[in-house]
Amino acid sequence: MRTYRAFTKIDEGQAHYRYIKNNDDEKKLPIIILHMSPVASGFVVPLMENLKLNRDIFAPDTLGNGDSSPLKIKKPEIIDFAEGLTRVLDSIGIKRAHFYGVRTGAMIASEVAINFPERVESLMIDELVPARSSAENPSIGEPCPEVNVFGSQLTWAWHVMRDHFIYHPWWDRYAQNRITLDLPSAELLHQYTTELLKAIRTFHFSYNAAQRWNRIDRLSLIRIPTGVFYEPAHEAFPDTRPIANVIPESDLLILPKKDTSQKSKAKLIQKWLTNLE
């Protein structure tokens, strides 16, 4: 299945999104796929292409990430990104949908479910755990260097993306934070780094908002059918059960042990949506 790209006009400028059109049944609601920070919708293309759904799939770049214009707010919070997302969806004609979000994307999707429940048929939360002590800093812990003639920002961005697979969180580069995930291919690292570089001056707004977001208090307000992905052997996100426990009547979507592949996640999404309908 082929993924396409498009832009839509919003107050801030333009929002970029990727999509797959395969809806033969107009009664089937689309699914919105929300990426993590600091990358953009290119990160979730493998998931989109593994989904075998008779419904449309949309994956917008978070405002200020990838190719989307940033919010016109000096210190935006996750609720602001959620409100911005609803305007993006309005612009492309989506009033109600199923939502899947990973990490920061899960936070934004959750705020949409809390504040705009009429827009959310169901919610799927992936790779979200209660904040670790090392991750309770209200910022990303490492500012981006100024763009300069020596290209320091290029090396910085490459190492940021590589270190996502070596440390959790990536900016706390200490032995106790080491993880043993396989590094992605050089091609994928290049793609992730390119997405980050495109938003080098604005990606930190969503990242810092995610650090400030009160996960447990906010998640407890969700009243939408919610599935929480769980894989007990995951080093960086080993136990999402506390997240599921605070969301009323949520379900654990259990992945095979040591399998967080996009193919396996797609199968769980397909099963979740089938059970709901």
C-alpha atoms as a PDB file:
ATOM      1  CA  MET A   1       0.000   0.000   0.000  1.00  0.00           C
ATOM      2  CA  ARG A   2       1.434   3.364  -1.034  1.00  0.00           C
ATOM      3  CA  THR A   3       1.804   6.328   1.305  1.00  0.00           C
ATOM      4  CA  TYR A   4       1.246   9.820  -0.089  1.00  0.00           C
ATOM      5  CA  ARG A   5       2.173  13.274   1.218  1.00  0.00           C
ATOM      6  CA  ALA A   6       0.205  16.508   1.293  1.00  0.00           C
ATOM      7  CA  PHE A   7      -0.061  19.916   2.937  1.00  0.00           C
ATOM      8  CA  THR A   8      -3.115  21.674   4.317  1.00  0.00           C
ATOM      9  CA  LYS A   9      -3.566  25.318   5.235  1.00  0.00           C
ATOM     10  CA  ILE A  10      -3.910  26.353   8.892  1.00  0.00           C
ATOM     11  CA  ASP A  11      -3.678  29.669  10.753  1.00  0.00           C
ATOM     12  CA  GLU A  12       0.030  29.127  11.442  1.00  0.00           C
ATOM     13  CA  GLY A  13       0.845  28.437   7.807  1.00  0.00           C
ATOM     14  CA  GLN A  14       0.773  24.840   6.600  1.00  0.00           C
ATOM     15  CA  ALA A  15       0.576  21.420   8.179  1.00  0.00           C
ATOM     16  CA  HIS A  16       2.175  18.432   6.486  1.00  0.00           C
ATOM     17  CA  TYR A  17       0.718  14.939   6.626  1.00  0.00           C
ATOM     18  CA  ARG A  18       1.097  11.497   5.147  1.00  0.00           C
ATOM     19  CA  TYR A  19      -1.885   9.372   4.221  1.00  0.00           C
ATOM     20  CA  ILE A  20      -3.147   6.153   2.684  1.00  0.00           C
ATOM     21  CA  LYS A  21      -6.532   6.228   0.982  1.00  0.00           C
ATOM     22  CA  ASN A  22      -8.148   2.790   0.934  1.00  0.00           C
ATOM     23  CA  ASN A  23     -11.624   3.347   2.315  1.00  0.00           C
ATOM     24  CA  ASP A  24     -14.186   1.408   0.305  1.00  0.00           C
ATOM     25  CA  ASP A  25     -16.757   1.758   3.088  1.00  0.00           C
ATOM     26  CA  GLU A  26     -17.746   5.330   3.907  1.00  0.00           C
ATOM     27  CA  LYS A  27     -19.096   4.205   7.289  1.00  0.00           C
ATOM     28  CA  LYS A  28     -15.612   3.215   8.480  1.00  0.00           C
ATOM     29  CA  LEU A  29     -13.910   6.012  10.369  1.00  0.00           C
ATOM     30  CA  PRO A  30     -10.286   6.819   9.520  1.00  0.00           C
ATOM     31  CA  ILE A  31      -7.386   6.213  11.888  1.00  0.00           C
ATOM     32  CA  ILE A  32      -5.021   9.014  12.891  1.00  0.00           C
ATOM     33  CA  ILE A  33      -1.406   7.957  13.592  1.00  0.00           C
ATOM     34  CA  LEU A  34       0.606  10.377  15.754  1.00  0.00           C
ATOM     35  CA  HIS A  35       4.406  10.143  15.871  1.00  0.00           C
ATOM     36  CA  MET A  36       6.812  10.626  18.762  1.00  0.00           C
ATOM     37  CA  SER A  37       9.165  13.571  19.245  1.00  0.00           C
ATOM     38  CA  PRO A  38      11.546  14.745  17.866  1.00  0.00           C
ATOM     39  CA  VAL A  39      10.852  13.108  14.493  1.00  0.00           C
ATOM     40  CA  ALA A  40       7.841  13.439  12.183  1.00  0.00           C
ATOM     41  CA  SER A  41       5.293  11.325  10.339  1.00  0.00           C
ATOM     42  CA  GLY A  42       7.960   9.565   8.292  1.00  0.00           C
ATOM     43  CA  PHE A  43       8.714   7.596  11.464  1.00  0.00           C
ATOM     44  CA  VAL A  44       5.299   5.889  11.372  1.00  0.00           C
ATOM     45  CA  VAL A  45       5.222   5.021   7.658  1.00  0.00           C
ATOM     46  CA  PRO A  46       6.227   1.364   8.351  1.00  0.00           C
ATOM     47  CA  LEU A  47       3.261   1.061  10.731  1.00  0.00           C
ATOM     48  CA  MET A  48       0.916   2.680   8.221  1.00  0.00           C
ATOM     49  CA  GLU A  49       2.021   0.333   5.470  1.00  0.00           C
ATOM     50  CA  ASN A  50       1.614  -2.743   7.690  1.00  0.00           C
ATOM     51  CA  LEU A  51      -1.985  -1.864   8.527  1.00  0.00           C
ATOM     52  CA  LYS A  52      -4.371  -3.918   6.409  1.00  0.00           C
ATOM     53  CA  LEU A  53      -7.444  -1.812   6.980  1.00  0.00           C
ATOM     54  CA  ASN A  54     -10.428  -0.948   4.858  1.00  0.00           C
ATOM     55  CA  ARG A  55     -10.240   2.629   6.089  1.00  0.00           C
ATOM     56  CA  ASP A  56      -8.222   5.784   5.459  1.00  0.00           C
ATOM     57  CA  ILE A  57      -5.031   6.392   7.447  1.00  0.00           C
ATOM     58  CA  PHE A  58      -3.634   9.845   8.203  1.00  0.00           C
ATOM     59  CA  ALA A  59      -0.362  10.760   9.948  1.00  0.00           C
ATOM     60  CA  PRO A  60       0.209  14.513  10.427  1.00  0.00           C
ATOM     61  CA  ASP A  61       3.502  16.057  11.454  1.00  0.00           C
ATOM     62  CA  THR A  62       3.068  17.567  14.914  1.00  0.00           C
ATOM     63  CA  LEU A  63       3.035  21.345  14.624  1.00  0.00           C
ATOM     64  CA  GLY A  64       6.628  22.561  14.787  1.00  0.00           C
ATOM     65  CA  ASN A  65       7.969  19.133  13.780  1.00  0.00           C
ATOM     66  CA  GLY A  66       8.948  17.860  10.352  1.00  0.00           C
ATOM     67  CA  ASP A  67       7.371  20.068   7.691  1.00  0.00           C
ATOM     68  CA  SER A  68       4.516  21.496   9.786  1.00  0.00           C
ATOM     69  CA  SER A  69       4.495  25.153  10.834  1.00  0.00           C
ATOM     70  CA  PRO A  70       4.910  25.762  14.592  1.00  0.00           C
ATOM     71  CA  LEU A  71       2.205  27.032  16.919  1.00  0.00           C
ATOM     72  CA  LYS A  72       2.136  30.789  17.518  1.00  0.00           C
ATOM     73  CA  ILE A  73       2.584  30.325  21.266  1.00  0.00           C
ATOM     74  CA  LYS A  74       5.802  31.047  23.178  1.00  0.00           C
ATOM     75  CA  LYS A  75       5.440  28.118  25.574  1.00  0.00           C
ATOM     76  CA  PRO A  76       2.856  25.669  24.198  1.00  0.00           C
ATOM     77  CA  GLU A  77       1.565  22.783  26.290  1.00  0.00           C
ATOM     78  CA  ILE A  78       0.309  19.400  25.092  1.00  0.00           C
ATOM     79  CA  ILE A  79      -3.276  20.693  25.107  1.00  0.00           C
ATOM     80  CA  ASP A  80      -2.190  23.373  22.618  1.00  0.00           C
ATOM     81  CA  PHE A  81      -0.792  20.728  20.274  1.00  0.00           C
ATOM     82  CA  ALA A  82      -4.043  18.777  20.643  1.00  0.00           C
ATOM     83  CA  GLU A  83      -6.102  21.845  19.751  1.00  0.00           C
ATOM     84  CA  GLY A  84      -3.808  22.498  16.805  1.00  0.00           C
ATOM     85  CA  LEU A  85      -4.287  18.921  15.645  1.00  0.00           C
ATOM     86  CA  THR A  86      -8.073  19.327  15.644  1.00  0.00           C
ATOM     87  CA  ARG A  87      -7.677  22.322  13.329  1.00  0.00           C
ATOM     88  CA  VAL A  88      -5.440  20.304  11.017  1.00  0.00           C
ATOM     89  CA  LEU A  89      -8.061  17.547  10.905  1.00  0.00           C
ATOM     90  CA  ASP A  90     -10.825  20.080  10.259  1.00  0.00           C
ATOM     91  CA  SER A  91      -8.801  21.438   7.362  1.00  0.00           C
ATOM     92  CA  ILE A  92      -8.652  18.008   5.706  1.00  0.00           C
ATOM     93  CA  GLY A  93     -12.275  17.184   6.528  1.00  0.00           C
ATOM     94  CA  ILE A  94     -11.936  14.735   9.441  1.00  0.00           C
ATOM     95  CA  LYS A  95     -14.466  15.227  12.249  1.00  0.00           C
ATOM     96  CA  ARG A  96     -14.172  11.899  14.070  1.00  0.00           C
ATOM     97  CA  ALA A  97     -11.618   9.073  13.970  1.00  0.00           C
ATOM     98  CA  HIS A  98      -9.754   6.354  15.814  1.00  0.00           C
ATOM     99  CA  PHE A  99      -6.454   7.624  17.250  1.00  0.00           C
ATOM    100  CA  TYR A 100      -3.109   5.873  17.781  1.00  0.00           C
ATOM    101  CA  GLY A 101      -0.181   7.746  19.355  1.00  0.00           C
ATOM    102  CA  VAL A 102       3.340   6.766  20.328  1.00  0.00           C
ATOM    103  CA  ARG A 103       5.116   8.644  23.172  1.00  0.00           C
ATOM    104  CA  THR A 104       4.500  12.386  22.596  1.00  0.00           C
ATOM    105  CA  GLY A 105       1.905  11.420  20.003  1.00  0.00           C
ATOM    106  CA  ALA A 106       0.110   9.381  22.677  1.00  0.00           C
ATOM    107  CA  MET A 107       0.005  12.441  24.930  1.00  0.00           C
ATOM    108  CA  ILE A 108      -1.447  14.627  22.182  1.00  0.00           C
ATOM    109  CA  ALA A 109      -4.023  11.967  21.275  1.00  0.00           C
ATOM    110  CA  SER A 110      -4.962  11.671  24.952  1.00  0.00           C
ATOM    111  CA  GLU A 111      -5.587  15.412  25.222  1.00  0.00           C
ATOM    112  CA  VAL A 112      -7.794  15.251  22.138  1.00  0.00           C
ATOM    113  CA  ALA A 113      -9.776  12.447  23.833  1.00  0.00           C
ATOM    114  CA  ILE A 114     -10.088  14.451  27.059  1.00  0.00           C
ATOM    115  CA  ASN A 115     -10.985  17.838  25.575  1.00  0.00           C
ATOM    116  CA  PHE A 116     -12.677  16.885  22.314  1.00  0.00           C
ATOM    117  CA  PRO A 117     -14.255  13.474  23.050  1.00  0.00           C
ATOM    118  CA  GLU A 118     -16.787  13.906  20.249  1.00  0.00           C
ATOM    119  CA  ARG A 119     -13.865  13.573  17.821  1.00  0.00           C
ATOM    120  CA  VAL A 120     -12.458  10.297  19.197  1.00  0.00           C
ATOM    121  CA  GLU A 121     -14.044   6.920  18.540  1.00  0.00           C
ATOM    122  CA  SER A 122     -11.228   5.064  20.281  1.00  0.00           C
ATOM    123  CA  LEU A 123      -7.699   5.674  21.517  1.00  0.00           C
ATOM    124  CA  MET A 124      -4.542   3.534  21.367  1.00  0.00           C
ATOM    125  CA  ILE A 125      -1.544   4.498  23.514  1.00  0.00           C
ATOM    126  CA  ASP A 126       1.945   3.144  22.782  1.00  0.00           C
ATOM    127  CA  GLU A 127       5.272   3.402  24.627  1.00  0.00           C
ATOM    128  CA  LEU A 128       4.035   5.601  27.450  1.00  0.00           C
ATOM    129  CA  VAL A 129       5.066   4.876  31.043  1.00  0.00           C
ATOM    130  CA  PRO A 130       5.029   6.923  34.267  1.00  0.00           C
ATOM    131  CA  ALA A 131       7.928   9.374  34.182  1.00  0.00           C
ATOM    132  CA  ARG A 132      11.254   7.978  35.430  1.00  0.00           C
ATOM    133  CA  SER A 133      13.273  10.029  37.904  1.00  0.00           C
ATOM    134  CA  SER A 134      15.851  10.754  35.217  1.00  0.00           C
ATOM    135  CA  ALA A 135      13.113  12.031  32.915  1.00  0.00           C
ATOM    136  CA  GLU A 136      11.445  14.449  35.334  1.00  0.00           C
ATOM    137  CA  ASN A 137      13.472  17.402  34.135  1.00  0.00           C
ATOM    138  CA  PRO A 138      11.090  20.034  32.681  1.00  0.00           C
ATOM    139  CA  SER A 139      13.268  20.313  29.555  1.00  0.00           C
ATOM    140  CA  ILE A 140      15.013  17.964  27.164  1.00  0.00           C
ATOM    141  CA  GLY A 141      18.217  18.555  29.078  1.00  0.00           C
ATOM    142  CA  GLU A 142      20.334  19.481  26.075  1.00  0.00           C
ATOM    143  CA  PRO A 143      19.780  22.554  23.898  1.00  0.00           C
ATOM    144  CA  CYS A 144      20.314  22.406  20.185  1.00  0.00           C
ATOM    145  CA  PRO A 145      23.482  24.245  19.108  1.00  0.00           C
ATOM    146  CA  GLU A 146      23.086  27.379  17.042  1.00  0.00           C
ATOM    147  CA  VAL A 147      23.026  26.791  13.313  1.00  0.00           C
ATOM    148  CA  ASN A 148      26.503  27.792  12.177  1.00  0.00           C
ATOM    149  CA  VAL A 149      28.944  27.656   9.261  1.00  0.00           C
ATOM    150  CA  PHE A 150      30.726  24.674  10.820  1.00  0.00           C
ATOM    151  CA  GLY A 151      27.569  22.549  10.664  1.00  0.00           C
ATOM    152  CA  SER A 152      27.625  21.649  14.371  1.00  0.00           C
ATOM    153  CA  GLN A 153      23.848  21.173  14.247  1.00  0.00           C
ATOM    154  CA  LEU A 154      24.249  18.366  11.697  1.00  0.00           C
ATOM    155  CA  THR A 155      26.435  16.234  13.961  1.00  0.00           C
ATOM    156  CA  TRP A 156      24.291  17.093  16.985  1.00  0.00           C
ATOM    157  CA  ALA A 157      21.083  15.944  15.273  1.00  0.00           C
ATOM    158  CA  TRP A 158      22.666  12.677  14.077  1.00  0.00           C
ATOM    159  CA  HIS A 159      23.826  11.800  17.588  1.00  0.00           C
ATOM    160  CA  VAL A 160      20.463  12.739  19.106  1.00  0.00           C
ATOM    161  CA  MET A 161      18.716  10.211  16.874  1.00  0.00           C
ATOM    162  CA  ARG A 162      21.383   7.535  17.353  1.00  0.00           C
ATOM    163  CA  ASP A 163      21.352   7.976  21.132  1.00  0.00           C
ATOM    164  CA  HIS A 164      17.599   7.323  21.241  1.00  0.00           C
ATOM    165  CA  PHE A 165      18.559   3.681  20.726  1.00  0.00           C
ATOM    166  CA  ILE A 166      21.401   3.667  23.284  1.00  0.00           C
ATOM    167  CA  TYR A 167      20.072   5.626  26.282  1.00  0.00           C
ATOM    168  CA  HIS A 168      16.695   6.304  27.826  1.00  0.00           C
ATOM    169  CA  PRO A 169      16.205   9.211  28.005  1.00  0.00           C
ATOM    170  CA  TRP A 170      18.669  10.001  25.241  1.00  0.00           C
ATOM    171  CA  TRP A 171      20.087  13.124  26.910  1.00  0.00           C
ATOM    172  CA  ASP A 172      21.100  11.278  30.119  1.00  0.00           C
ATOM    173  CA  ARG A 173      24.121   9.466  28.742  1.00  0.00           C
ATOM    174  CA  TYR A 174      25.061   7.481  31.852  1.00  0.00           C
ATOM    175  CA  ALA A 175      25.594   3.768  32.409  1.00  0.00           C
ATOM    176  CA  GLN A 176      22.375   3.339  34.400  1.00  0.00           C
ATOM    177  CA  ASN A 177      20.407   4.611  31.423  1.00  0.00           C
ATOM    178  CA  ARG A 178      21.944   2.292  28.831  1.00  0.00           C
ATOM    179  CA  ILE A 179      19.598   0.109  26.800  1.00  0.00           C
ATOM    180  CA  THR A 180      20.473  -2.617  24.323  1.00  0.00           C
ATOM    181  CA  LEU A 181      18.139  -1.927  21.432  1.00  0.00           C
ATOM    182  CA  ASP A 182      19.534  -2.632  17.988  1.00  0.00           C
ATOM    183  CA  LEU A 183      20.597   0.488  16.151  1.00  0.00           C
ATOM    184  CA  PRO A 184      18.499   1.214  13.082  1.00  0.00           C
ATOM    185  CA  SER A 185      20.131   1.129   9.676  1.00  0.00           C
ATOM    186  CA  ALA A 186      22.211   4.077   8.505  1.00  0.00           C
ATOM    187  CA  GLU A 187      19.421   4.842   6.024  1.00  0.00           C
ATOM    188  CA  LEU A 188      16.798   5.087   8.782  1.00  0.00           C
ATOM    189  CA  LEU A 189      19.110   7.174  10.969  1.00  0.00           C
ATOM    190  CA  HIS A 190      19.547   9.503   8.019  1.00  0.00           C
ATOM    191  CA  GLN A 191      15.790   9.806   7.584  1.00  0.00           C
ATOM    192  CA  TYR A 192      15.195  10.484  11.287  1.00  0.00           C
ATOM    193  CA  THR A 193      18.020  13.036  11.375  1.00  0.00           C
ATOM    194  CA  THR A 194      16.675  14.821   8.299  1.00  0.00           C
ATOM    195  CA  GLU A 195      13.232  15.129   9.925  1.00  0.00           C
ATOM    196  CA  LEU A 196      14.828  16.598  13.042  1.00  0.00           C
ATOM    197  CA  LEU A 197      16.985  19.044  11.100  1.00  0.00           C
ATOM    198  CA  LYS A 198      13.981  20.418   9.230  1.00  0.00           C
ATOM    199  CA  ALA A 199      12.487  21.517  12.570  1.00  0.00           C
ATOM    200  CA  ILE A 200      15.742  22.241  14.383  1.00  0.00           C
ATOM    201  CA  ARG A 201      14.484  25.595  15.745  1.00  0.00           C
ATOM    202  CA  THR A 202      11.020  24.435  16.838  1.00  0.00           C
ATOM    203  CA  PHE A 203      10.995  20.688  17.637  1.00  0.00           C
ATOM    204  CA  HIS A 204      11.830  21.377  21.281  1.00  0.00           C
ATOM    205  CA  PHE A 205       8.449  23.008  21.923  1.00  0.00           C
ATOM    206  CA  SER A 206       6.576  19.709  21.750  1.00  0.00           C
ATOM    207  CA  TYR A 207       9.403  17.843  23.459  1.00  0.00           C
ATOM    208  CA  ASN A 208       9.467  20.210  26.433  1.00  0.00           C
ATOM    209  CA  ALA A 209       5.668  20.217  26.620  1.00  0.00           C
ATOM    210  CA  ALA A 210       5.800  16.412  26.874  1.00  0.00           C
ATOM    211  CA  GLN A 211       8.253  16.671  29.776  1.00  0.00           C
ATOM    212  CA  ARG A 212       5.869  18.981  31.633  1.00  0.00           C
ATOM    213  CA  TRP A 213       2.742  16.928  30.943  1.00  0.00           C
ATOM    214  CA  ASN A 214       1.247  15.383  34.100  1.00  0.00           C
ATOM    215  CA  ARG A 215       0.707  11.873  32.750  1.00  0.00           C
ATOM    216  CA  ILE A 216      -1.185  10.171  35.567  1.00  0.00           C
ATOM    217  CA  ASP A 217      -3.524  13.079  36.364  1.00  0.00           C
ATOM    218  CA  ARG A 218      -4.369  13.730  32.725  1.00  0.00           C
ATOM    219  CA  LEU A 219      -4.812  10.110  31.659  1.00  0.00           C
ATOM    220  CA  SER A 220      -7.267   9.501  34.491  1.00  0.00           C
ATOM    221  CA  LEU A 221      -9.664  11.908  32.749  1.00  0.00           C
ATOM    222  CA  ILE A 222     -10.030   9.796  29.595  1.00  0.00           C
ATOM    223  CA  ARG A 223     -13.535   8.406  29.054  1.00  0.00           C
ATOM    224  CA  ILE A 224     -13.014   6.967  25.576  1.00  0.00           C
ATOM    225  CA  PRO A 225     -12.441   3.237  24.814  1.00  0.00           C
ATOM    226  CA  THR A 226      -8.663   2.965  25.194  1.00  0.00           C
ATOM    227  CA  GLY A 227      -6.089   0.289  24.457  1.00  0.00           C
ATOM    228  CA  VAL A 228      -2.584   0.448  25.946  1.00  0.00           C
ATOM    229  CA  PHE A 229       0.250  -1.435  24.265  1.00  0.00           C
ATOM    230  CA  TYR A 230       2.259  -3.671  26.588  1.00  0.00           C
ATOM    231  CA  GLU A 231       5.444  -5.666  25.980  1.00  0.00           C
ATOM    232  CA  PRO A 232       7.001  -6.800  29.279  1.00  0.00           C
ATOM    233  CA  ALA A 233      10.538  -7.297  27.948  1.00  0.00           C
ATOM    234  CA  HIS A 234      10.884  -3.794  26.476  1.00  0.00           C
ATOM    235  CA  GLU A 235      13.922  -2.115  28.031  1.00  0.00           C
ATOM    236  CA  ALA A 236      12.893   1.506  27.623  1.00  0.00           C
ATOM    237  CA  PHE A 237       9.130   1.044  28.114  1.00  0.00           C
ATOM    238  CA  PRO A 238       8.873  -2.192  30.104  1.00  0.00           C
ATOM    239  CA  ASP A 239       5.698  -1.665  32.094  1.00  0.00           C
ATOM    240  CA  THR A 240       2.784   0.310  30.742  1.00  0.00           C
ATOM    241  CA  ARG A 241       0.331  -1.298  33.154  1.00  0.00           C
ATOM    242  CA  PRO A 242       0.328   1.699  35.550  1.00  0.00           C
ATOM    243  CA  ILE A 243      -0.757   3.826  32.604  1.00  0.00           C
ATOM    244  CA  ALA A 244      -3.573   1.409  31.766  1.00  0.00           C
ATOM    245  CA  ASN A 245      -4.617   1.228  35.420  1.00  0.00           C
ATOM    246  CA  VAL A 246      -5.436   4.939  35.665  1.00  0.00           C
ATOM    247  CA  ILE A 247      -7.574   4.983  32.503  1.00  0.00           C
ATOM    248  CA  PRO A 248     -11.091   3.759  33.333  1.00  0.00           C
ATOM    249  CA  GLU A 249     -11.926   0.430  31.668  1.00  0.00           C
ATOM    250  CA  SER A 250      -8.891   0.456  29.396  1.00  0.00           C
ATOM    251  CA  ASP A 251      -7.535  -2.709  27.784  1.00  0.00           C
ATOM    252  CA  LEU A 252      -3.960  -3.973  27.562  1.00  0.00           C
ATOM    253  CA  LEU A 253      -2.921  -4.697  23.991  1.00  0.00           C
ATOM    254  CA  ILE A 254      -0.275  -7.337  24.645  1.00  0.00           C
ATOM    255  CA  LEU A 255       2.539  -7.712  22.129  1.00  0.00           C
ATOM    256  CA  PRO A 256       4.496 -10.963  21.733  1.00  0.00           C
ATOM    257  CA  LYS A 257       7.489 -11.081  24.071  1.00  0.00           C
ATOM    258  CA  LYS A 258      10.471  -9.141  22.713  1.00  0.00           C
ATOM    259  CA  ASP A 259       8.494  -8.181  19.631  1.00  0.00           C
ATOM    260  CA  THR A 260       7.768  -4.493  19.153  1.00  0.00           C
ATOM    261  CA  SER A 261       7.836  -4.699  15.373  1.00  0.00           C
ATOM    262  CA  GLN A 262       5.506  -2.506  13.363  1.00  0.00           C
ATOM    263  CA  LYS A 263       4.003  -5.653  11.880  1.00  0.00           C
ATOM    264  CA  SER A 264       2.975  -6.955  15.309  1.00  0.00           C
ATOM    265  CA  LYS A 265       1.666  -3.546  16.369  1.00  0.00           C
ATOM    266  CA  ALA A 266      -0.378  -3.352  13.171  1.00  0.00           C
ATOM    267  CA  LYS A 267      -1.965  -6.732  13.931  1.00  0.00           C
ATOM    268  CA  LEU A 268      -3.007  -5.533  17.384  1.00  0.00           C
ATOM    269  CA  ILE A 269      -4.475  -2.342  15.955  1.00  0.00           C
ATOM    270  CA  GLN A 270      -6.442  -4.350  13.404  1.00  0.00           C
ATOM    271  CA  LYS A 271      -7.740  -6.681  16.132  1.00  0.00           C
ATOM    272  CA  TRP A 272      -8.654  -3.742  18.384  1.00  0.00           C
ATOM    273  CA  LEU A 273     -10.643  -1.990  15.678  1.00  0.00           C
ATOM    274  CA  THR A 274     -12.378  -5.203  14.626  1.00  0.00           C
ATOM    275  CA  ASN A 275     -13.462  -5.927  18.204  1.00  0.00           C
ATOM    276  CA  LEU A 276     -14.853  -2.406  18.597  1.00  0.00           C
ATOM    277  CA  GLU A 277     -16.985  -2.751  15.503  1.00  0.00           C
END
